[in-house]
C-alpha cells in the first residue's frame, strides 16, 4: 500500500539544487553525513556519543517529554483533549543523556524525547565540526538536535524545507503529500503537540473503523528507513510521522525557507480565513476561492496592467508596503 522514498548516493550541492529540490518530493540521501565526527562517535557506541555531546553541550535546559511505558513511546493527547498523555519538564543535554543511558536494556522503558534543541544554544560548536555540504553556510537556517529512545511522533508538517540527518539509531519516516490532509484526521489547529497540527491516527496500528479515510492516505504514503549517516530531504508541508527504532536515537535537522527574512507563517492567513470565511455561505466561499487564486496563488499576474507605483500591497515588497499591509490586517481585526 505504501512505496519507498527514492534513494540517492553521492549527492553534491549542484545536484541537490538542480534536481532534488525542484522535484518537490522526499529523497533519501544515503551516507551523506557518514563522515561527520558526531556520527563517527556514535558508531563507537552510546557512551562515545554521550561523551562527544557532553564535551560540547552547554548547561542550558530545554523542554523534554517523558511518557509512562504504557504509552509505548507514542506521544499525544488525552482522550478528552484536555491535556497530554505525557509530562513536559526542563532538562539539560547532560541530564537527558543520563536518563537515556540508564534505561538501556529495560523491557518497558519510559519514553524520552527532546526535539528541536537549537544547536547554537545547546551545542554551539556543532556546525563548525559537522558541516552540511548541501547548504551554503551563510544561508539563514535553523539547525536543531533531537534526542530520544523508541518514540513515535505523530504525522505533522513543517513549514520550512528539512534535511533530517540521522546520527545514532535507525529511524523510520512515513510521509504523505500535503493534499492528504483530509484523510489524516488532524487534531485541533489551536491545540497542538509542538506547534503544528498533527494526525490523530496511530500510524503503526491504525483503527480503520475510527479513521476509515486513512486507508486512502496509505495509498499515497512513502516510507524511508534511515541508518546513521543517512539524510532525508523533506519539502515544505509534507506530512511525516517518525519512529525511533533503537534504544537511543539522535538526529540533527536543518530547516530553511526560500522566502524573504521576516516572512511570517501562512498559517496566520489560514486562521484569518477561518475567521472571515467560515460563517459565510458556500457560494460566497467559492467566489472568494477565485479571488485567492488570482491575488494570492497568482494563476496570472494580477497587476500587470498597473504601473509600478499604483500596485499598492501587490507591488514590490518594500518596508513601507509591508507596514501598509500589516496595518490593513490590524484594522480588519479591530
C-alpha atoms as a PDB file:
ATOM      1  CA  UNK A   1       0.000   0.000   0.000  1.00  0.00           C
ATOM      2  CA  UNK A   2       2.982   2.270   0.519  1.00  0.00           C
ATOM      3  CA  UNK A   3       6.037   2.955  -1.611  1.00  0.00           C
ATOM      4  CA  UNK A   4       9.656   3.652  -0.731  1.00  0.00           C
ATOM      5  CA  UNK A   5      11.149   7.120  -0.820  1.00  0.00           C
ATOM      6  CA  UNK A   6      13.583   7.360  -3.777  1.00  0.00           C
ATOM      7  CA  UNK A   7      17.228   6.952  -2.779  1.00  0.00           C
ATOM      8  CA  UNK A   8      20.291   8.853  -3.999  1.00  0.00           C
ATOM      9  CA  UNK A   9      24.004   8.307  -3.453  1.00  0.00           C
ATOM     10  CA  UNK A  10      26.995  10.666  -3.571  1.00  0.00           C
ATOM     11  CA  UNK A  11      24.791  13.756  -3.934  1.00  0.00           C
ATOM     12  CA  UNK A  12      26.593  17.091  -4.133  1.00  0.00           C
ATOM     13  CA  UNK A  13      25.147  20.594  -3.778  1.00  0.00           C
ATOM     14  CA  UNK A  14      24.832  21.151  -7.511  1.00  0.00           C
ATOM     15  CA  UNK A  15      22.722  18.033  -7.997  1.00  0.00           C
ATOM     16  CA  UNK A  16      20.714  18.735  -4.851  1.00  0.00           C
ATOM     17  CA  UNK A  17      19.799  22.233  -6.028  1.00  0.00           C
ATOM     18  CA  UNK A  18      19.242  21.346  -9.689  1.00  0.00           C
ATOM     19  CA  UNK A  19      17.436  18.014  -9.394  1.00  0.00           C
ATOM     20  CA  UNK A  20      16.203  17.067  -5.920  1.00  0.00           C
ATOM     21  CA  UNK A  21      14.813  20.330  -4.539  1.00  0.00           C
ATOM     22  CA  UNK A  22      12.954  21.332  -7.744  1.00  0.00           C
ATOM     23  CA  UNK A  23      11.247  17.918  -7.850  1.00  0.00           C
ATOM     24  CA  UNK A  24       9.414  18.818  -4.631  1.00  0.00           C
ATOM     25  CA  UNK A  25       9.366  15.240  -3.354  1.00  0.00           C
ATOM     26  CA  UNK A  26      11.106  13.478  -0.433  1.00  0.00           C
ATOM     27  CA  UNK A  27      14.506  11.928  -1.108  1.00  0.00           C
ATOM     28  CA  UNK A  28      16.804   9.677   0.910  1.00  0.00           C
ATOM     29  CA  UNK A  29      20.438  10.752   0.623  1.00  0.00           C
ATOM     30  CA  UNK A  30      22.364   7.663   1.661  1.00  0.00           C
ATOM     31  CA  UNK A  31      25.574   8.183   3.619  1.00  0.00           C
ATOM     32  CA  UNK A  32      25.602  11.942   3.072  1.00  0.00           C
ATOM     33  CA  UNK A  33      26.872  12.736   6.600  1.00  0.00           C
ATOM     34  CA  UNK A  34      28.545   9.397   7.375  1.00  0.00           C
ATOM     35  CA  UNK A  35      31.876  11.190   7.839  1.00  0.00           C
ATOM     36  CA  UNK A  36      30.600  13.661  10.445  1.00  0.00           C
ATOM     37  CA  UNK A  37      32.634  13.473  13.688  1.00  0.00           C
ATOM     38  CA  UNK A  38      29.440  13.087  15.726  1.00  0.00           C
ATOM     39  CA  UNK A  39      28.371  10.109  13.574  1.00  0.00           C
ATOM     40  CA  UNK A  40      31.829   8.573  13.999  1.00  0.00           C
ATOM     41  CA  UNK A  41      31.478   8.936  17.783  1.00  0.00           C
ATOM     42  CA  UNK A  42      28.011   7.359  17.705  1.00  0.00           C
ATOM     43  CA  UNK A  43      29.385   4.468  15.666  1.00  0.00           C
ATOM     44  CA  UNK A  44      31.563   3.579  18.677  1.00  0.00           C
ATOM     45  CA  UNK A  45      28.514   3.319  20.944  1.00  0.00           C
ATOM     46  CA  UNK A  46      26.124   5.280  23.130  1.00  0.00           C
ATOM     47  CA  UNK A  47      28.793   6.190  25.686  1.00  0.00           C
ATOM     48  CA  UNK A  48      31.020   7.648  22.982  1.00  0.00           C
ATOM     49  CA  UNK A  49      28.148   9.728  21.608  1.00  0.00           C
ATOM     50  CA  UNK A  50      27.313  10.908  25.116  1.00  0.00           C
ATOM     51  CA  UNK A  51      30.937  11.867  25.720  1.00  0.00           C
ATOM     52  CA  UNK A  52      31.030  13.791  22.420  1.00  0.00           C
ATOM     53  CA  UNK A  53      27.912  15.777  23.332  1.00  0.00           C
ATOM     54  CA  UNK A  54      28.821  16.331  26.976  1.00  0.00           C
ATOM     55  CA  UNK A  55      32.173  17.826  25.954  1.00  0.00           C
ATOM     56  CA  UNK A  56      30.410  20.401  23.762  1.00  0.00           C
ATOM     57  CA  UNK A  57      26.992  20.975  25.336  1.00  0.00           C
ATOM     58  CA  UNK A  58      26.016  23.967  27.423  1.00  0.00           C
ATOM     59  CA  UNK A  59      24.083  23.604  30.668  1.00  0.00           C
ATOM     60  CA  UNK A  60      21.122  25.444  29.167  1.00  0.00           C
ATOM     61  CA  UNK A  61      17.927  23.471  29.931  1.00  0.00           C
ATOM     62  CA  UNK A  62      15.369  22.631  27.254  1.00  0.00           C
ATOM     63  CA  UNK A  63      11.886  21.166  27.262  1.00  0.00           C
ATOM     64  CA  UNK A  64      11.760  17.367  27.102  1.00  0.00           C
ATOM     65  CA  UNK A  65       8.832  14.963  27.030  1.00  0.00           C
ATOM     66  CA  UNK A  66       8.552  11.981  29.368  1.00  0.00           C
ATOM     67  CA  UNK A  67       5.908   9.288  28.947  1.00  0.00           C
ATOM     68  CA  UNK A  68       4.898   6.296  31.021  1.00  0.00           C
ATOM     69  CA  UNK A  69       5.814   2.919  29.497  1.00  0.00           C
ATOM     70  CA  UNK A  70       2.083   2.368  28.907  1.00  0.00           C
ATOM     71  CA  UNK A  71       2.035   4.871  26.013  1.00  0.00           C
ATOM     72  CA  UNK A  72       4.567   2.683  24.144  1.00  0.00           C
ATOM     73  CA  UNK A  73       6.526   5.731  23.033  1.00  0.00           C
ATOM     74  CA  UNK A  74       3.544   7.364  21.273  1.00  0.00           C
ATOM     75  CA  UNK A  75       3.185  10.953  22.451  1.00  0.00           C
ATOM     76  CA  UNK A  76      -0.242  12.515  22.050  1.00  0.00           C
ATOM     77  CA  UNK A  77      -3.281  13.998  23.754  1.00  0.00           C
ATOM     78  CA  UNK A  78      -5.536  12.646  26.475  1.00  0.00           C
ATOM     79  CA  UNK A  79      -8.820  11.217  25.184  1.00  0.00           C
ATOM     80  CA  UNK A  80     -10.731  14.379  26.172  1.00  0.00           C
ATOM     81  CA  UNK A  81      -8.114  16.724  24.605  1.00  0.00           C
ATOM     82  CA  UNK A  82      -7.756  18.461  27.950  1.00  0.00           C
ATOM     83  CA  UNK A  83      -4.032  17.732  28.104  1.00  0.00           C
ATOM     84  CA  UNK A  84      -1.222  15.432  27.024  1.00  0.00           C
ATOM     85  CA  UNK A  85      -0.554  11.766  27.721  1.00  0.00           C
ATOM     86  CA  UNK A  86       2.941  12.670  28.950  1.00  0.00           C
ATOM     87  CA  UNK A  87       4.816  15.136  31.138  1.00  0.00           C
ATOM     88  CA  UNK A  88       6.945  18.040  29.939  1.00  0.00           C
ATOM     89  CA  UNK A  89       9.927  19.129  32.002  1.00  0.00           C
ATOM     90  CA  UNK A  90      13.131  21.068  31.608  1.00  0.00           C
ATOM     91  CA  UNK A  91      16.390  19.125  31.345  1.00  0.00           C
ATOM     92  CA  UNK A  92      19.925  19.746  30.150  1.00  0.00           C
ATOM     93  CA  UNK A  93      21.550  17.600  27.467  1.00  0.00           C
ATOM     94  CA  UNK A  94      23.725  16.067  30.192  1.00  0.00           C
ATOM     95  CA  UNK A  95      20.635  15.074  32.198  1.00  0.00           C
ATOM     96  CA  UNK A  96      18.873  13.680  29.119  1.00  0.00           C
ATOM     97  CA  UNK A  97      21.880  11.544  28.253  1.00  0.00           C
ATOM     98  CA  UNK A  98      21.987  10.182  31.807  1.00  0.00           C
ATOM     99  CA  UNK A  99      18.316   9.198  31.616  1.00  0.00           C
ATOM    100  CA  UNK A 100      18.673   7.577  28.198  1.00  0.00           C
ATOM    101  CA  UNK A 101      21.750   5.582  29.158  1.00  0.00           C
ATOM    102  CA  UNK A 102      20.175   4.470  32.416  1.00  0.00           C
ATOM    103  CA  UNK A 103      17.207   2.869  30.651  1.00  0.00           C
ATOM    104  CA  UNK A 104      19.150   0.727  28.201  1.00  0.00           C
ATOM    105  CA  UNK A 105      18.103  -2.892  28.397  1.00  0.00           C
ATOM    106  CA  UNK A 106      14.770  -2.131  30.047  1.00  0.00           C
ATOM    107  CA  UNK A 107      11.864  -4.209  28.753  1.00  0.00           C
ATOM    108  CA  UNK A 108       9.454  -1.333  29.367  1.00  0.00           C
ATOM    109  CA  UNK A 109      11.344   1.972  29.333  1.00  0.00           C
ATOM    110  CA  UNK A 110       9.855   5.366  29.921  1.00  0.00           C
ATOM    111  CA  UNK A 111       9.535   7.290  26.660  1.00  0.00           C
ATOM    112  CA  UNK A 112      12.014  10.178  26.472  1.00  0.00           C
ATOM    113  CA  UNK A 113      12.011  12.769  23.707  1.00  0.00           C
ATOM    114  CA  UNK A 114      13.707  16.130  23.340  1.00  0.00           C
ATOM    115  CA  UNK A 115      13.153  17.736  19.980  1.00  0.00           C
ATOM    116  CA  UNK A 116      14.253  20.847  18.115  1.00  0.00           C
ATOM    117  CA  UNK A 117      17.047  21.861  20.504  1.00  0.00           C
ATOM    118  CA  UNK A 118      18.820  24.725  18.681  1.00  0.00           C
ATOM    119  CA  UNK A 119      22.471  23.713  18.390  1.00  0.00           C
ATOM    120  CA  UNK A 120      23.563  27.348  18.536  1.00  0.00           C
ATOM    121  CA  UNK A 121      22.199  27.422  22.084  1.00  0.00           C
ATOM    122  CA  UNK A 122      22.818  23.876  23.297  1.00  0.00           C
ATOM    123  CA  UNK A 123      25.818  22.569  21.287  1.00  0.00           C
ATOM    124  CA  UNK A 124      27.378  25.769  19.915  1.00  0.00           C
ATOM    125  CA  UNK A 125      30.383  24.127  18.268  1.00  0.00           C
ATOM    126  CA  UNK A 126      28.375  21.579  16.320  1.00  0.00           C
ATOM    127  CA  UNK A 127      28.169  23.287  12.921  1.00  0.00           C
ATOM    128  CA  UNK A 128      31.881  24.089  12.803  1.00  0.00           C
ATOM    129  CA  UNK A 129      32.742  20.396  13.242  1.00  0.00           C
ATOM    130  CA  UNK A 130      29.897  18.839  11.245  1.00  0.00           C
ATOM    131  CA  UNK A 131      29.397  20.754   8.022  1.00  0.00           C
ATOM    132  CA  UNK A 132      26.300  20.299   5.858  1.00  0.00           C
ATOM    133  CA  UNK A 133      27.653  20.017   2.296  1.00  0.00           C
ATOM    134  CA  UNK A 134      24.341  20.723   0.550  1.00  0.00           C
ATOM    135  CA  UNK A 135      23.646  24.164   2.016  1.00  0.00           C
ATOM    136  CA  UNK A 136      25.530  27.427   1.886  1.00  0.00           C
ATOM    137  CA  UNK A 137      26.848  28.045   5.405  1.00  0.00           C
ATOM    138  CA  UNK A 138      25.679  31.663   5.107  1.00  0.00           C
ATOM    139  CA  UNK A 139      22.091  30.659   4.363  1.00  0.00           C
ATOM    140  CA  UNK A 140      19.580  31.650   7.029  1.00  0.00           C
ATOM    141  CA  UNK A 141      18.544  28.373   8.669  1.00  0.00           C
ATOM    142  CA  UNK A 142      17.716  26.681  11.953  1.00  0.00           C
ATOM    143  CA  UNK A 143      19.817  23.687  12.986  1.00  0.00           C
ATOM    144  CA  UNK A 144      18.398  21.513  15.752  1.00  0.00           C
ATOM    145  CA  UNK A 145      19.319  18.414  17.741  1.00  0.00           C
ATOM    146  CA  UNK A 146      16.900  15.601  18.646  1.00  0.00           C
ATOM    147  CA  UNK A 147      17.486  13.012  21.369  1.00  0.00           C
ATOM    148  CA  UNK A 148      15.259  10.151  22.473  1.00  0.00           C
ATOM    149  CA  UNK A 149      14.601   6.438  22.606  1.00  0.00           C
ATOM    150  CA  UNK A 150      11.956   4.284  20.889  1.00  0.00           C
ATOM    151  CA  UNK A 151       9.456   7.108  20.482  1.00  0.00           C
ATOM    152  CA  UNK A 152       6.743   7.792  17.924  1.00  0.00           C
ATOM    153  CA  UNK A 153       5.983  11.249  16.586  1.00  0.00           C
ATOM    154  CA  UNK A 154       2.514  11.770  15.099  1.00  0.00           C
ATOM    155  CA  UNK A 155       2.273  12.770  11.441  1.00  0.00           C
ATOM    156  CA  UNK A 156       2.649  16.537  11.131  1.00  0.00           C
ATOM    157  CA  UNK A 157       4.013  19.071   8.671  1.00  0.00           C
ATOM    158  CA  UNK A 158       6.855  21.581   8.926  1.00  0.00           C
ATOM    159  CA  UNK A 159       6.752  24.912   7.143  1.00  0.00           C
ATOM    160  CA  UNK A 160      10.461  25.013   6.202  1.00  0.00           C
ATOM    161  CA  UNK A 161      12.255  22.573   3.963  1.00  0.00           C
ATOM    162  CA  UNK A 162      14.088  19.999   6.023  1.00  0.00           C
ATOM    163  CA  UNK A 163      17.228  17.875   5.926  1.00  0.00           C
ATOM    164  CA  UNK A 164      16.905  15.262   8.689  1.00  0.00           C
ATOM    165  CA  UNK A 165      20.338  13.786   9.441  1.00  0.00           C
ATOM    166  CA  UNK A 166      20.412  10.570  11.459  1.00  0.00           C
ATOM    167  CA  UNK A 167      23.313  10.451  13.925  1.00  0.00           C
ATOM    168  CA  UNK A 168      22.538   7.371  16.015  1.00  0.00           C
ATOM    169  CA  UNK A 169      19.815   4.723  15.916  1.00  0.00           C
ATOM    170  CA  UNK A 170      17.596   3.815  12.998  1.00  0.00           C
ATOM    171  CA  UNK A 171      14.561   5.962  12.191  1.00  0.00           C
ATOM    172  CA  UNK A 172      11.510   5.202  10.115  1.00  0.00           C
ATOM    173  CA  UNK A 173       9.712   8.057   8.383  1.00  0.00           C
ATOM    174  CA  UNK A 174       6.224   7.657   6.928  1.00  0.00           C
ATOM    175  CA  UNK A 175       5.402  10.571   4.630  1.00  0.00           C
ATOM    176  CA  UNK A 176       2.209  11.784   2.998  1.00  0.00           C
ATOM    177  CA  UNK A 177       1.697  14.503   0.356  1.00  0.00           C
ATOM    178  CA  UNK A 178       0.152  17.725   1.635  1.00  0.00           C
ATOM    179  CA  UNK A 179      -3.125  17.046  -0.163  1.00  0.00           C
ATOM    180  CA  UNK A 180      -3.798  14.040   2.099  1.00  0.00           C
ATOM    181  CA  UNK A 181      -4.838  16.402   4.904  1.00  0.00           C
ATOM    182  CA  UNK A 182      -8.493  15.309   4.656  1.00  0.00           C
ATOM    183  CA  UNK A 183      -7.528  11.641   5.135  1.00  0.00           C
ATOM    184  CA  UNK A 184      -5.231  12.078   8.136  1.00  0.00           C
ATOM    185  CA  UNK A 185      -7.778  13.042  10.798  1.00  0.00           C
ATOM    186  CA  UNK A 186      -5.828  16.048  12.003  1.00  0.00           C
ATOM    187  CA  UNK A 187      -6.287  17.291  15.567  1.00  0.00           C
ATOM    188  CA  UNK A 188      -7.260  20.836  16.551  1.00  0.00           C
ATOM    189  CA  UNK A 189      -5.456  23.691  14.814  1.00  0.00           C
ATOM    190  CA  UNK A 190      -5.161  25.619  18.069  1.00  0.00           C
ATOM    191  CA  UNK A 191      -4.200  22.706  20.349  1.00  0.00           C
ATOM    192  CA  UNK A 192      -1.017  21.085  19.120  1.00  0.00           C
ATOM    193  CA  UNK A 193       1.775  18.890  20.397  1.00  0.00           C
ATOM    194  CA  UNK A 194       4.654  21.056  19.190  1.00  0.00           C
ATOM    195  CA  UNK A 195       3.298  23.983  17.183  1.00  0.00           C
ATOM    196  CA  UNK A 196       1.977  22.283  14.050  1.00  0.00           C
ATOM    197  CA  UNK A 197      -1.329  20.397  13.796  1.00  0.00           C
ATOM    198  CA  UNK A 198      -0.825  16.636  13.864  1.00  0.00           C
ATOM    199  CA  UNK A 199      -2.690  13.498  12.845  1.00  0.00           C
ATOM    200  CA  UNK A 200      -4.635  11.539  15.448  1.00  0.00           C
ATOM    201  CA  UNK A 201      -4.077   8.250  13.613  1.00  0.00           C
ATOM    202  CA  UNK A 202      -1.747   5.658  15.106  1.00  0.00           C
ATOM    203  CA  UNK A 203       0.437   5.095  12.028  1.00  0.00           C
ATOM    204  CA  UNK A 204       1.685   1.716  13.281  1.00  0.00           C
ATOM    205  CA  UNK A 205      -1.733   0.360  14.295  1.00  0.00           C
ATOM    206  CA  UNK A 206      -4.437   2.379  12.529  1.00  0.00           C
ATOM    207  CA  UNK A 207      -8.042   1.948  13.633  1.00  0.00           C
ATOM    208  CA  UNK A 208      -9.834   1.905  10.281  1.00  0.00           C
ATOM    209  CA  UNK A 209     -13.242   1.728  11.959  1.00  0.00           C
ATOM    210  CA  UNK A 210     -12.499   5.067  13.627  1.00  0.00           C
ATOM    211  CA  UNK A 211     -10.395   6.537  10.796  1.00  0.00           C
ATOM    212  CA  UNK A 212     -11.646   4.895   7.566  1.00  0.00           C
ATOM    213  CA  UNK A 213     -10.280   7.542   5.187  1.00  0.00           C
ATOM    214  CA  UNK A 214      -6.748   6.838   6.401  1.00  0.00           C
ATOM    215  CA  UNK A 215      -6.712   3.846   4.047  1.00  0.00           C
ATOM    216  CA  UNK A 216      -6.690   6.318   1.148  1.00  0.00           C
ATOM    217  CA  UNK A 217      -3.778   8.196   2.727  1.00  0.00           C
ATOM    218  CA  UNK A 218      -1.793   4.967   2.955  1.00  0.00           C
ATOM    219  CA  UNK A 219      -2.174   4.520  -0.794  1.00  0.00           C
ATOM    220  CA  UNK A 220      -0.147   7.735  -1.195  1.00  0.00           C
ATOM    221  CA  UNK A 221       2.316   7.132   1.643  1.00  0.00           C
ATOM    222  CA  UNK A 222       6.066   6.842   1.208  1.00  0.00           C
ATOM    223  CA  UNK A 223       8.324   5.144   3.756  1.00  0.00           C
ATOM    224  CA  UNK A 224      12.019   5.646   4.434  1.00  0.00           C
ATOM    225  CA  UNK A 225      14.139   3.778   6.959  1.00  0.00           C
ATOM    226  CA  UNK A 226      17.362   5.603   7.725  1.00  0.00           C
ATOM    227  CA  UNK A 227      20.633   4.415   9.233  1.00  0.00           C
ATOM    228  CA  UNK A 228      23.216   6.640  10.957  1.00  0.00           C
ATOM    229  CA  UNK A 229      24.847   8.873   8.348  1.00  0.00           C
ATOM    230  CA  UNK A 230      21.753   8.924   6.119  1.00  0.00           C
ATOM    231  CA  UNK A 231      19.757  12.081   5.423  1.00  0.00           C
ATOM    232  CA  UNK A 232      16.117  12.570   4.441  1.00  0.00           C
ATOM    233  CA  UNK A 233      15.146  15.616   2.413  1.00  0.00           C
ATOM    234  CA  UNK A 234      11.558  16.709   3.090  1.00  0.00           C
ATOM    235  CA  UNK A 235       9.934  19.509   1.093  1.00  0.00           C
ATOM    236  CA  UNK A 236       7.819  22.082   2.866  1.00  0.00           C
ATOM    237  CA  UNK A 237       4.412  20.917   4.166  1.00  0.00           C
ATOM    238  CA  UNK A 238       4.827  17.179   3.568  1.00  0.00           C
ATOM    239  CA  UNK A 239       3.198  15.266   6.408  1.00  0.00           C
ATOM    240  CA  UNK A 240       5.612  12.951   8.185  1.00  0.00           C
ATOM    241  CA  UNK A 241       5.449  10.565  11.131  1.00  0.00           C
ATOM    242  CA  UNK A 242       8.725   9.485  12.722  1.00  0.00           C
ATOM    243  CA  UNK A 243       9.551   6.388  14.748  1.00  0.00           C
ATOM    244  CA  UNK A 244      12.778   5.707  16.634  1.00  0.00           C
ATOM    245  CA  UNK A 245      13.666   2.047  16.190  1.00  0.00           C
ATOM    246  CA  UNK A 246      16.523   1.694  18.672  1.00  0.00           C
ATOM    247  CA  UNK A 247      17.201   2.222  22.367  1.00  0.00           C
ATOM    248  CA  UNK A 248      18.943   5.544  21.838  1.00  0.00           C
ATOM    249  CA  UNK A 249      18.454   7.830  18.877  1.00  0.00           C
ATOM    250  CA  UNK A 250      19.971  11.140  17.854  1.00  0.00           C
ATOM    251  CA  UNK A 251      19.233  13.287  14.828  1.00  0.00           C
ATOM    252  CA  UNK A 252      20.098  16.754  13.558  1.00  0.00           C
ATOM    253  CA  UNK A 253      17.714  18.811  11.417  1.00  0.00           C
ATOM    254  CA  UNK A 254      18.460  21.667   9.034  1.00  0.00           C
ATOM    255  CA  UNK A 255      15.416  23.851   8.369  1.00  0.00           C
ATOM    256  CA  UNK A 256      15.263  26.695   5.863  1.00  0.00           C
ATOM    257  CA  UNK A 257      12.734  28.628   3.793  1.00  0.00           C
ATOM    258  CA  UNK A 258      13.036  30.147   0.348  1.00  0.00           C
ATOM    259  CA  UNK A 259      11.310  33.327   1.498  1.00  0.00           C
ATOM    260  CA  UNK A 260      12.432  36.833   2.446  1.00  0.00           C
ATOM    261  CA  UNK A 261      13.612  37.390   6.013  1.00  0.00           C
ATOM    262  CA  UNK A 262      10.756  38.191   8.359  1.00  0.00           C
ATOM    263  CA  UNK A 263       8.123  36.379   6.306  1.00  0.00           C
ATOM    264  CA  UNK A 264       5.523  35.084   8.749  1.00  0.00           C
ATOM    265  CA  UNK A 265       3.845  31.705   8.589  1.00  0.00           C
ATOM    266  CA  UNK A 266       0.925  31.346   6.153  1.00  0.00           C
ATOM    267  CA  UNK A 267      -0.843  29.530   8.992  1.00  0.00           C
ATOM    268  CA  UNK A 268      -1.777  33.036  10.165  1.00  0.00           C
ATOM    269  CA  UNK A 269      -3.606  33.549   6.879  1.00  0.00           C
ATOM    270  CA  UNK A 270      -5.417  30.248   7.406  1.00  0.00           C
ATOM    271  CA  UNK A 271      -6.585  31.398  10.850  1.00  0.00           C
ATOM    272  CA  UNK A 272      -7.748  34.705   9.367  1.00  0.00           C
ATOM    273  CA  UNK A 273      -9.571  32.935   6.537  1.00  0.00           C
ATOM    274  CA  UNK A 274     -11.355  30.676   9.040  1.00  0.00           C
ATOM    275  CA  UNK A 275     -12.418  33.780  10.946  1.00  0.00           C
ATOM    276  CA  UNK A 276     -13.693  35.657   7.905  1.00  0.00           C
ATOM    277  CA  UNK A 277     -14.880  32.934   5.530  1.00  0.00           C
ATOM    278  CA  UNK A 278     -16.014  30.218   7.918  1.00  0.00           C
ATOM    279  CA  UNK A 279     -19.506  31.644   8.587  1.00  0.00           C
ATOM    280  CA  UNK A 280     -20.395  32.699   5.036  1.00  0.00           C
ATOM    281  CA  UNK A 281     -22.442  30.744   2.519  1.00  0.00           C
ATOM    282  CA  UNK A 282     -20.777  28.144   0.302  1.00  0.00           C
ATOM    283  CA  UNK A 283     -21.489  30.173  -2.828  1.00  0.00           C
ATOM    284  CA  UNK A 284     -19.642  33.166  -1.398  1.00  0.00           C
ATOM    285  CA  UNK A 285     -16.718  30.969  -0.299  1.00  0.00           C
ATOM    286  CA  UNK A 286     -16.431  29.645  -3.852  1.00  0.00           C
ATOM    287  CA  UNK A 287     -16.342  33.207  -5.146  1.00  0.00           C
ATOM    288  CA  UNK A 288     -13.532  34.018  -2.740  1.00  0.00           C
ATOM    289  CA  UNK A 289     -11.659  30.964  -4.000  1.00  0.00           C
ATOM    290  CA  UNK A 290     -11.425  32.739  -7.374  1.00  0.00           C
ATOM    291  CA  UNK A 291     -10.123  35.871  -5.631  1.00  0.00           C
ATOM    292  CA  UNK A 292      -7.450  33.898  -3.757  1.00  0.00           C
ATOM    293  CA  UNK A 293      -6.409  32.097  -6.953  1.00  0.00           C
ATOM    294  CA  UNK A 294      -5.994  35.462  -8.672  1.00  0.00           C
ATOM    295  CA  UNK A 295      -4.339  37.572  -5.979  1.00  0.00           C
ATOM    296  CA  UNK A 296      -2.516  35.049  -3.771  1.00  0.00           C
ATOM    297  CA  UNK A 297      -1.745  31.950  -5.857  1.00  0.00           C
ATOM    298  CA  UNK A 298      -1.157  34.076  -8.950  1.00  0.00           C
ATOM    299  CA  UNK A 299      -2.736  31.943 -11.665  1.00  0.00           C
ATOM    300  CA  UNK A 300      -1.859  35.014 -13.748  1.00  0.00           C
ATOM    301  CA  UNK A 301      -0.272  38.389 -12.965  1.00  0.00           C
ATOM    302  CA  UNK A 302      -2.934  40.441 -11.137  1.00  0.00           C
ATOM    303  CA  UNK A 303      -1.120  43.777 -11.540  1.00  0.00           C
ATOM    304  CA  UNK A 304       0.467  43.561 -14.984  1.00  0.00           C
ATOM    305  CA  UNK A 305      -1.954  46.230 -16.228  1.00  0.00           C
ATOM    306  CA  UNK A 306      -0.982  48.704 -13.469  1.00  0.00           C
ATOM    307  CA  UNK A 307       2.081  50.970 -13.380  1.00  0.00           C
ATOM    308  CA  UNK A 308       4.542  50.002 -10.602  1.00  0.00           C
ATOM    309  CA  UNK A 309       3.684  52.998  -8.446  1.00  0.00           C
ATOM    310  CA  UNK A 310      -0.009  52.066  -8.456  1.00  0.00           C
ATOM    311  CA  UNK A 311       0.295  48.421  -7.408  1.00  0.00           C
ATOM    312  CA  UNK A 312      -0.034  49.083  -3.679  1.00  0.00           C
ATOM    313  CA  UNK A 313       0.227  45.999  -1.466  1.00  0.00           C
ATOM    314  CA  UNK A 314       0.579  43.831  -4.580  1.00  0.00           C
ATOM    315  CA  UNK A 315       3.707  45.668  -5.643  1.00  0.00           C
ATOM    316  CA  UNK A 316       7.342  45.404  -4.616  1.00  0.00           C
ATOM    317  CA  UNK A 317       7.814  44.155  -1.047  1.00  0.00           C
ATOM    318  CA  UNK A 318       9.339  47.305   0.440  1.00  0.00           C
ATOM    319  CA  UNK A 319       9.300  48.045   4.187  1.00  0.00           C
ATOM    320  CA  UNK A 320       6.627  50.654   3.516  1.00  0.00           C
ATOM    321  CA  UNK A 321       4.437  48.195   1.615  1.00  0.00           C
ATOM    322  CA  UNK A 322       4.751  45.575   4.365  1.00  0.00           C
ATOM    323  CA  UNK A 323       3.857  48.140   7.033  1.00  0.00           C
ATOM    324  CA  UNK A 324       0.813  49.190   4.998  1.00  0.00           C
ATOM    325  CA  UNK A 325      -0.310  45.566   4.618  1.00  0.00           C
ATOM    326  CA  UNK A 326       0.086  44.830   8.330  1.00  0.00           C
ATOM    327  CA  UNK A 327      -1.900  47.959   9.141  1.00  0.00           C
ATOM    328  CA  UNK A 328      -4.734  46.800   6.864  1.00  0.00           C
ATOM    329  CA  UNK A 329      -4.799  43.410   8.622  1.00  0.00           C
ATOM    330  CA  UNK A 330      -4.719  45.001  12.078  1.00  0.00           C
ATOM    331  CA  UNK A 331      -7.576  47.347  11.172  1.00  0.00           C
ATOM    332  CA  UNK A 332      -9.651  44.451   9.855  1.00  0.00           C
ATOM    333  CA  UNK A 333      -9.259  42.624  13.169  1.00  0.00           C
ATOM    334  CA  UNK A 334     -10.406  45.722  15.066  1.00  0.00           C
END
